[in-house]
Amino acid sequence: MRIIPVECVRNGSFLGKTIYDSEGRILLREGIPLKDTLLKKIKENNIHQIYVVDEYSNIEIDDVIKPELRQKSIKTLKEVFININKASKSNLIVDKEPYIDSVNNIAEEILNNILDNKNIMLSLVDIKNMDNYTYQHSVNVAIISVVIGVGLKLSKRDLLNLCIGALLHDIGKAFIPNDIIKKPSSLTEEEFKLIKTHPQKGYDYLFNNFNISSSSKLIIKQHHERVDGLGYPNKLKSDSIFRLSKIVSIADVYDALTSNRPYRKPIHANDAVEYIMAHSGTVFDHKLVTVFTKFIVPYPIGTIVELSTGDTCIVENNNFRYPLRPIVKILESSDEARKGKTIDLLYALSTVITKIKYYV
């Protein structure tokens, strides 16, 4: 199974992962043959990349949490955001406790799911419906953040606070007009200024709520701060930024880069990892980036890649803690004798992956 842009899918491929609509209902079940009419339906639902099973890859990629929990989490966050947004428009006073309690419960379920998973390497990029982007993104950021936290050997209390803060990191966007949040083109300077208020708005909204820890609240306020002091809302520098906030900052950017947005297409996981590594020490905390890169799988099993040797290969396995150096099998080569040969890039140090390919 591998991820492919919808427009690149060939007839004869099968859907690798179930697709859901904006209401969390099943749109298409995994295993269904993909034909032009179905691909058109997928595009109409604002989904622009999908997982397929074809002659190159029929291996399933497991998520770190159960699919039903992912959908339940998205639905819960959607209800929270929508109700807060409605209340803000009508100046109603809303009892926050039931909403926060539901998020706390979801966070515990996500945390327990991840802790029960023996293999917590993240090899799955979530396929998002753009209408539900904010809620799907928040769930993904929580999952990625917790995996980093597990890698850091954080206590269960810290992991839970991390998960809650990550789930709610964009809660302030409930106070930003939807036409700005979903704008399909670049934001104006004034619109961007308004967007940049969402960390403070979210923090202020939850400030007096005692059902959420101060740690989780700080995550909401600081997830856009940068270690070089050029972030917002307070331009804090590295030592002044809460450690859990720095974790969420990495997860937030990684998921955003690998997601389809109205104003740009997603980039591949390996490019997103390279971006974060390139900004280590300026935007992101260097030590946390090092941990992050050990648990993210930029080249999932089944990915077709081209090597610096010119060979076209398929990823057969990943090296734990060295995900940028997978084990590959040569599918096409100018040297016929090399076809079918397996290369462990952890040891073939002079060979690098130069690009992702969708077909041989």
Protein backbone atom coordinates (compact mmCIF):
# COMPACT_ATOMS: atom_id res chain seq x y z
CA MET A 1 0.00 0.00 0.00
CA ARG A 2 1.26 3.44 -0.87
CA ILE A 3 0.02 7.00 -1.02
CA ILE A 4 -0.60 8.55 -4.45
CA PRO A 5 -2.20 11.78 -5.74
CA VAL A 6 -5.70 11.00 -7.01
CA GLU A 7 -4.85 12.19 -10.52
CA CYS A 8 -1.98 9.68 -10.71
CA VAL A 9 -4.01 6.58 -9.77
CA ARG A 10 -4.14 3.95 -12.51
CA ASN A 11 -7.05 1.67 -13.38
CA GLY A 12 -6.62 -1.71 -11.73
CA SER A 13 -5.58 -0.23 -8.40
CA PHE A 14 -7.57 -0.84 -5.23
CA LEU A 15 -8.32 1.57 -2.40
CA GLY A 16 -5.89 0.87 0.45
CA LYS A 17 -7.59 2.77 3.29
CA THR A 18 -11.25 3.53 3.95
CA ILE A 19 -12.21 7.12 3.10
CA TYR A 20 -14.65 9.11 5.25
CA ASP A 21 -16.75 12.15 4.34
CA SER A 22 -16.87 15.41 6.29
CA GLU A 23 -19.46 13.93 8.69
CA GLY A 24 -17.31 10.91 9.52
CA ARG A 25 -19.44 8.54 7.45
CA ILE A 26 -17.79 5.93 5.24
CA LEU A 27 -17.50 7.29 1.72
CA LEU A 28 -15.59 4.39 0.18
CA ARG A 29 -14.40 1.20 1.86
CA GLU A 30 -10.87 -0.11 1.51
CA GLY A 31 -10.44 -2.81 -1.12
CA ILE A 32 -12.80 -1.30 -3.68
CA PRO A 33 -11.51 -1.19 -7.31
CA LEU A 34 -10.69 2.38 -8.31
CA LYS A 35 -12.29 3.58 -11.53
CA ASP A 36 -12.69 7.04 -13.06
CA THR A 37 -16.19 7.57 -11.61
CA LEU A 38 -15.00 6.80 -8.07
CA LEU A 39 -11.88 8.93 -8.42
CA LYS A 40 -14.11 11.83 -9.50
CA LYS A 41 -16.27 11.27 -6.40
CA ILE A 42 -13.16 11.34 -4.20
CA LYS A 43 -12.03 14.65 -5.71
CA GLU A 44 -15.51 16.12 -5.23
CA ASN A 45 -15.11 15.42 -1.51
CA ASN A 46 -11.96 17.58 -1.43
CA ILE A 47 -9.62 14.61 -1.07
CA HIS A 48 -6.57 14.83 -3.30
CA GLN A 49 -4.38 11.88 -2.28
CA ILE A 50 -5.27 8.31 -1.30
CA TYR A 51 -3.69 5.00 -0.37
CA VAL A 52 -3.75 2.35 -3.09
CA VAL A 53 -2.94 -1.34 -3.31
CA ASP A 54 -1.48 -2.37 -6.67
CA GLU A 55 1.11 -4.65 -8.27
CA TYR A 56 3.90 -2.75 -6.54
CA SER A 57 2.67 -2.85 -2.98
CA ASN A 58 -0.01 -4.88 -1.21
CA ILE A 59 1.36 -4.56 2.31
CA GLU A 60 -0.97 -2.87 4.82
CA ILE A 61 0.35 0.16 6.71
CA ASP A 62 -0.96 0.20 10.26
CA ASP A 63 -2.05 3.34 12.05
CA VAL A 64 -0.81 3.88 15.61
CA ILE A 65 -4.41 4.25 16.83
CA LYS A 66 -7.55 2.36 15.86
CA PRO A 67 -9.50 3.84 12.90
CA GLU A 68 -12.72 4.03 14.92
CA LEU A 69 -10.93 6.01 17.66
CA ARG A 70 -9.53 8.41 15.06
CA GLN A 71 -13.03 9.07 13.69
CA LYS A 72 -14.49 9.42 17.20
CA SER A 73 -11.76 11.93 18.09
CA ILE A 74 -12.39 13.99 14.95
CA LYS A 75 -16.14 14.04 15.64
CA THR A 76 -15.59 15.13 19.26
CA LEU A 77 -13.28 17.99 18.30
CA LYS A 78 -15.63 19.12 15.55
CA GLU A 79 -18.50 19.38 18.06
CA VAL A 80 -16.30 21.35 20.47
CA PHE A 81 -15.09 23.83 17.83
CA ILE A 82 -18.53 24.34 16.26
CA ASN A 83 -20.28 24.96 19.58
CA ILE A 84 -17.60 27.40 20.75
CA ASN A 85 -17.79 29.19 17.39
CA LYS A 86 -21.59 29.50 17.63
CA ALA A 87 -21.37 30.79 21.18
CA SER A 88 -18.76 33.41 20.24
CA LYS A 89 -20.97 34.74 17.43
CA SER A 90 -24.06 35.02 19.61
CA ASN A 91 -22.24 36.18 22.78
CA LEU A 92 -23.67 33.23 24.68
CA ILE A 93 -22.04 31.98 27.86
CA VAL A 94 -21.18 28.34 27.29
CA ASP A 95 -20.39 25.81 29.99
CA LYS A 96 -16.91 24.68 28.93
CA GLU A 97 -16.64 21.73 31.29
CA PRO A 98 -18.62 19.13 29.26
CA TYR A 99 -16.59 19.97 26.15
CA ILE A 100 -13.25 19.80 27.92
CA ASP A 101 -14.23 16.59 29.69
CA SER A 102 -14.98 14.97 26.34
CA VAL A 103 -11.57 16.05 25.02
CA ASN A 104 -9.88 14.73 28.18
CA ASN A 105 -11.56 11.36 27.66
CA ILE A 106 -10.47 11.23 24.02
CA ALA A 107 -6.91 12.12 25.03
CA GLU A 108 -6.81 9.22 27.50
CA GLU A 109 -8.03 6.81 24.82
CA ILE A 110 -5.46 8.04 22.30
CA LEU A 111 -2.66 7.81 24.85
CA ASN A 112 -3.60 4.28 25.91
CA ASN A 113 -3.88 3.18 22.26
CA ILE A 114 -0.38 4.45 21.53
CA LEU A 115 1.13 2.99 24.70
CA ASP A 116 -0.41 -0.40 23.84
CA ASN A 117 1.17 -0.28 20.38
CA LYS A 118 4.53 -2.06 20.37
CA ASN A 119 5.61 -0.39 17.13
CA ILE A 120 5.08 3.34 17.41
CA MET A 121 6.97 4.40 14.32
CA LEU A 122 4.74 6.78 12.34
CA SER A 123 4.52 5.55 8.77
CA LEU A 124 0.99 6.67 7.90
CA VAL A 125 0.11 10.10 6.52
CA ASP A 126 -3.55 10.75 7.33
CA ILE A 127 -5.80 11.38 4.33
CA LYS A 128 -7.74 14.53 5.13
CA ASN A 129 -10.98 15.96 3.83
CA MET A 130 -10.35 19.71 3.53
CA ASP A 131 -13.76 20.49 5.06
CA ASN A 132 -12.63 18.74 8.26
CA TYR A 133 -9.00 19.79 8.11
CA THR A 134 -8.78 21.61 11.46
CA TYR A 135 -10.18 18.65 13.45
CA GLN A 136 -8.26 15.95 11.55
CA HIS A 137 -5.10 18.02 11.85
CA SER A 138 -5.56 18.43 15.62
CA VAL A 139 -5.92 14.65 16.09
CA ASN A 140 -2.82 14.03 13.99
CA VAL A 141 -0.80 16.61 15.91
CA ALA A 142 -1.82 14.91 19.16
CA ILE A 143 -0.73 11.48 17.89
CA ILE A 144 2.62 12.73 16.56
CA SER A 145 3.26 14.71 19.75
CA VAL A 146 2.59 11.71 21.98
CA VAL A 147 4.90 9.51 19.90
CA ILE A 148 7.67 12.09 20.34
CA GLY A 149 6.83 12.23 24.06
CA VAL A 150 7.10 8.45 24.35
CA GLY A 151 10.48 8.67 22.62
CA LEU A 152 11.53 11.18 25.28
CA LYS A 153 10.30 8.80 28.00
CA LEU A 154 7.94 11.40 29.47
CA SER A 155 5.77 10.40 32.42
CA LYS A 156 2.20 9.33 31.73
CA ARG A 157 0.92 12.55 33.35
CA ASP A 158 3.08 14.65 31.00
CA LEU A 159 2.01 12.54 28.02
CA LEU A 160 -1.65 13.09 28.88
CA ASN A 161 -1.17 16.86 29.28
CA LEU A 162 0.75 16.85 26.00
CA CYS A 163 -2.06 15.01 24.23
CA ILE A 164 -4.77 17.33 25.58
CA GLY A 165 -2.80 20.46 24.69
CA ALA A 166 -2.13 19.12 21.19
CA LEU A 167 -5.80 18.25 20.61
CA LEU A 168 -6.77 21.78 21.64
CA HIS A 169 -3.78 23.66 20.23
CA ASP A 170 -5.92 25.33 17.55
CA ILE A 171 -9.00 25.93 19.72
CA GLY A 172 -8.48 29.68 19.26
CA LYS A 173 -9.37 29.26 15.57
CA ALA A 174 -12.98 28.80 16.71
CA PHE A 175 -12.93 32.59 17.19
CA ILE A 176 -11.57 33.32 13.69
CA PRO A 177 -14.03 33.72 10.77
CA ASN A 178 -14.34 30.54 8.69
CA ASP A 179 -13.84 32.40 5.41
CA ILE A 180 -10.33 33.29 6.61
CA ILE A 181 -9.55 29.82 7.99
CA LYS A 182 -10.61 28.18 4.70
CA LYS A 183 -9.45 30.92 2.32
CA PRO A 184 -8.20 29.22 -0.89
CA SER A 185 -5.63 31.92 -1.64
CA SER A 186 -2.88 33.73 0.25
CA LEU A 187 -3.94 35.74 3.28
CA THR A 188 -3.69 39.51 3.33
CA GLU A 189 -1.47 41.12 5.95
CA GLU A 190 -4.51 41.97 8.06
CA GLU A 191 -5.93 38.45 7.76
CA PHE A 192 -2.62 36.92 8.79
CA LYS A 193 -2.48 39.24 11.80
CA LEU A 194 -5.91 37.96 12.80
CA ILE A 195 -4.85 34.32 12.33
CA LYS A 196 -1.84 34.97 14.57
CA THR A 197 -4.19 35.85 17.45
CA HIS A 198 -5.53 32.29 17.73
CA PRO A 199 -2.96 30.99 20.28
CA GLN A 200 -3.76 33.83 22.69
CA LYS A 201 -7.51 33.61 22.03
CA GLY A 202 -7.47 29.88 22.79
CA TYR A 203 -5.42 30.39 25.94
CA ASP A 204 -7.69 33.19 27.16
CA TYR A 205 -10.81 31.12 26.51
CA LEU A 206 -9.53 28.25 28.66
CA PHE A 207 -7.63 30.32 31.23
CA ASN A 208 -10.17 29.89 34.06
CA ASN A 209 -11.11 26.30 33.23
CA PHE A 210 -9.78 24.06 35.98
CA ASN A 211 -10.45 20.83 34.06
CA ILE A 212 -7.40 21.47 31.92
CA SER A 213 -3.86 21.65 33.28
CA SER A 214 -1.63 24.70 33.09
CA SER A 215 0.74 22.60 30.96
CA SER A 216 -1.95 22.02 28.32
CA LYS A 217 -2.89 25.70 28.37
CA LEU A 218 0.73 26.72 27.79
CA ILE A 219 0.87 24.42 24.75
CA ILE A 220 -2.15 26.22 23.30
CA LYS A 221 -0.51 29.61 23.86
CA GLN A 222 3.04 28.76 22.77
CA HIS A 223 2.79 26.26 19.88
CA HIS A 224 3.76 28.97 17.34
CA GLU A 225 6.75 30.27 19.30
CA ARG A 226 10.19 29.64 17.73
CA VAL A 227 13.46 28.88 19.49
CA ASP A 228 15.10 31.85 17.69
CA GLY A 229 12.52 34.26 19.16
CA LEU A 230 10.75 35.05 15.87
CA GLY A 231 7.51 33.23 16.68
CA TYR A 232 4.22 34.47 18.10
CA PRO A 233 2.36 35.64 20.12
CA ASN A 234 5.17 36.65 22.52
CA LYS A 235 8.42 36.15 20.55
CA LEU A 236 9.77 33.85 23.25
CA LYS A 237 13.25 32.36 22.85
CA SER A 238 14.22 28.75 23.40
CA ASP A 239 14.73 28.66 27.18
CA SER A 240 11.47 30.53 27.77
CA ILE A 241 9.33 28.14 25.71
CA PHE A 242 7.69 25.24 27.54
CA ARG A 243 9.16 21.91 26.44
CA LEU A 244 5.78 20.36 25.59
CA SER A 245 4.96 23.40 23.45
CA LYS A 246 8.15 22.79 21.44
CA ILE A 247 7.03 19.20 20.79
CA VAL A 248 3.64 20.31 19.49
CA SER A 249 5.33 22.92 17.30
CA ILE A 250 7.19 20.16 15.43
CA ALA A 251 4.11 17.94 15.10
CA ASP A 252 1.99 20.89 13.95
CA VAL A 253 4.33 21.85 11.10
CA TYR A 254 4.97 18.26 10.00
CA ASP A 255 1.28 17.45 9.67
CA ALA A 256 0.51 20.76 7.97
CA LEU A 257 3.24 20.23 5.39
CA THR A 258 2.03 16.71 4.53
CA SER A 259 -1.62 17.82 4.24
CA ASN A 260 -3.48 19.16 1.23
CA ARG A 261 -4.45 22.80 1.80
CA PRO A 262 -6.64 25.12 -0.30
CA TYR A 263 -3.57 27.20 -1.24
CA ARG A 264 -0.99 24.44 -1.81
CA LYS A 265 -0.51 20.72 -2.39
CA PRO A 266 0.98 18.45 0.29
CA ILE A 267 4.65 17.63 0.21
CA HIS A 268 5.92 14.10 0.72
CA ALA A 269 6.80 12.94 4.22
CA ASN A 270 10.52 12.82 3.44
CA ASP A 271 10.51 16.46 2.30
CA ALA A 272 8.62 17.48 5.45
CA VAL A 273 11.23 15.71 7.60
CA GLU A 274 14.02 17.42 5.65
CA TYR A 275 12.31 20.81 6.21
CA ILE A 276 12.11 20.27 9.96
CA MET A 277 15.72 19.08 10.13
CA ALA A 278 16.85 22.13 8.13
CA HIS A 279 15.12 24.42 10.64
CA SER A 280 16.47 22.64 13.71
CA GLY A 281 17.97 25.19 16.09
CA THR A 282 16.11 28.14 14.55
CA VAL A 283 12.41 27.28 14.41
CA PHE A 284 12.54 23.99 16.31
CA ASP A 285 14.44 22.65 19.31
CA HIS A 286 17.42 20.62 18.06
CA LYS A 287 17.20 17.82 20.66
CA LEU A 288 13.48 17.33 20.03
CA VAL A 289 14.01 17.24 16.25
CA THR A 290 16.56 14.46 16.77
CA VAL A 291 13.97 12.38 18.63
CA PHE A 292 11.27 13.20 16.07
CA THR A 293 13.38 11.92 13.16
CA LYS A 294 13.85 8.56 14.88
CA PHE A 295 10.12 7.81 14.97
CA ILE A 296 8.79 9.26 11.72
CA VAL A 297 8.92 7.00 8.65
CA PRO A 298 9.41 9.26 5.61
CA TYR A 299 9.57 6.29 3.23
CA PRO A 300 6.81 3.82 4.23
CA ILE A 301 7.03 0.23 3.02
CA GLY A 302 5.81 0.14 -0.59
CA THR A 303 7.15 3.58 -1.53
CA ILE A 304 8.82 3.62 -4.96
CA VAL A 305 12.03 5.66 -4.96
CA GLU A 306 14.90 6.53 -7.27
CA LEU A 307 18.44 6.24 -5.95
CA SER A 308 21.49 8.35 -6.74
CA THR A 309 22.70 5.29 -8.72
CA GLY A 310 19.75 5.74 -11.10
CA ASP A 311 18.09 2.55 -9.92
CA THR A 312 14.33 2.50 -9.26
CA CYS A 313 13.52 0.65 -6.05
CA ILE A 314 10.68 -0.21 -3.72
CA VAL A 315 11.03 0.22 0.04
CA GLU A 316 10.82 -3.23 1.66
CA ASN A 317 11.54 -2.35 5.28
CA ASN A 318 12.60 0.46 7.59
CA ASN A 319 15.52 0.61 9.98
CA PHE A 320 14.23 1.43 13.45
CA ARG A 321 15.59 4.80 14.61
CA TYR A 322 17.14 5.38 11.17
CA PRO A 323 14.03 5.88 9.03
CA LEU A 324 15.81 8.02 6.41
CA ARG A 325 17.89 4.95 5.47
CA PRO A 326 15.40 2.19 4.54
CA ILE A 327 15.99 -1.24 3.01
CA VAL A 328 15.08 -1.21 -0.69
CA LYS A 329 14.71 -3.72 -3.52
CA ILE A 330 15.79 -2.78 -7.06
CA LEU A 331 12.95 -2.95 -9.59
CA GLU A 332 14.62 -1.29 -12.57
CA SER A 333 18.29 -0.71 -13.34
CA SER A 334 20.52 -0.03 -16.33
CA ASP A 335 22.46 -3.07 -15.09
CA GLU A 336 20.19 -6.11 -15.54
CA ALA A 337 22.24 -8.02 -12.97
CA ARG A 338 21.17 -5.57 -10.27
CA LYS A 339 17.42 -6.17 -10.68
CA GLY A 340 15.93 -7.88 -7.63
CA LYS A 341 18.94 -7.02 -5.47
CA THR A 342 18.24 -5.74 -1.94
CA ILE A 343 20.18 -2.78 -0.57
CA ASP A 344 20.28 -1.68 3.06
CA LEU A 345 20.87 2.06 2.83
CA LEU A 346 22.00 2.11 6.44
CA TYR A 347 25.25 0.57 5.20
CA ALA A 348 25.35 1.80 1.57
CA LEU A 349 26.43 5.25 2.76
CA SER A 350 27.40 6.57 -0.66
CA THR A 351 23.90 5.94 -2.02
CA VAL A 352 20.98 8.29 -1.32
CA ILE A 353 17.32 8.51 -2.30
CA THR A 354 16.93 11.31 -4.84
CA LYS A 355 13.16 11.31 -5.42
CA ILE A 356 9.81 9.61 -4.90
CA LYS A 357 8.17 7.94 -7.90
CA TYR A 358 4.59 6.74 -8.28
CA TYR A 359 5.28 4.10 -10.89
CA VAL A 360 8.27 2.26 -12.33
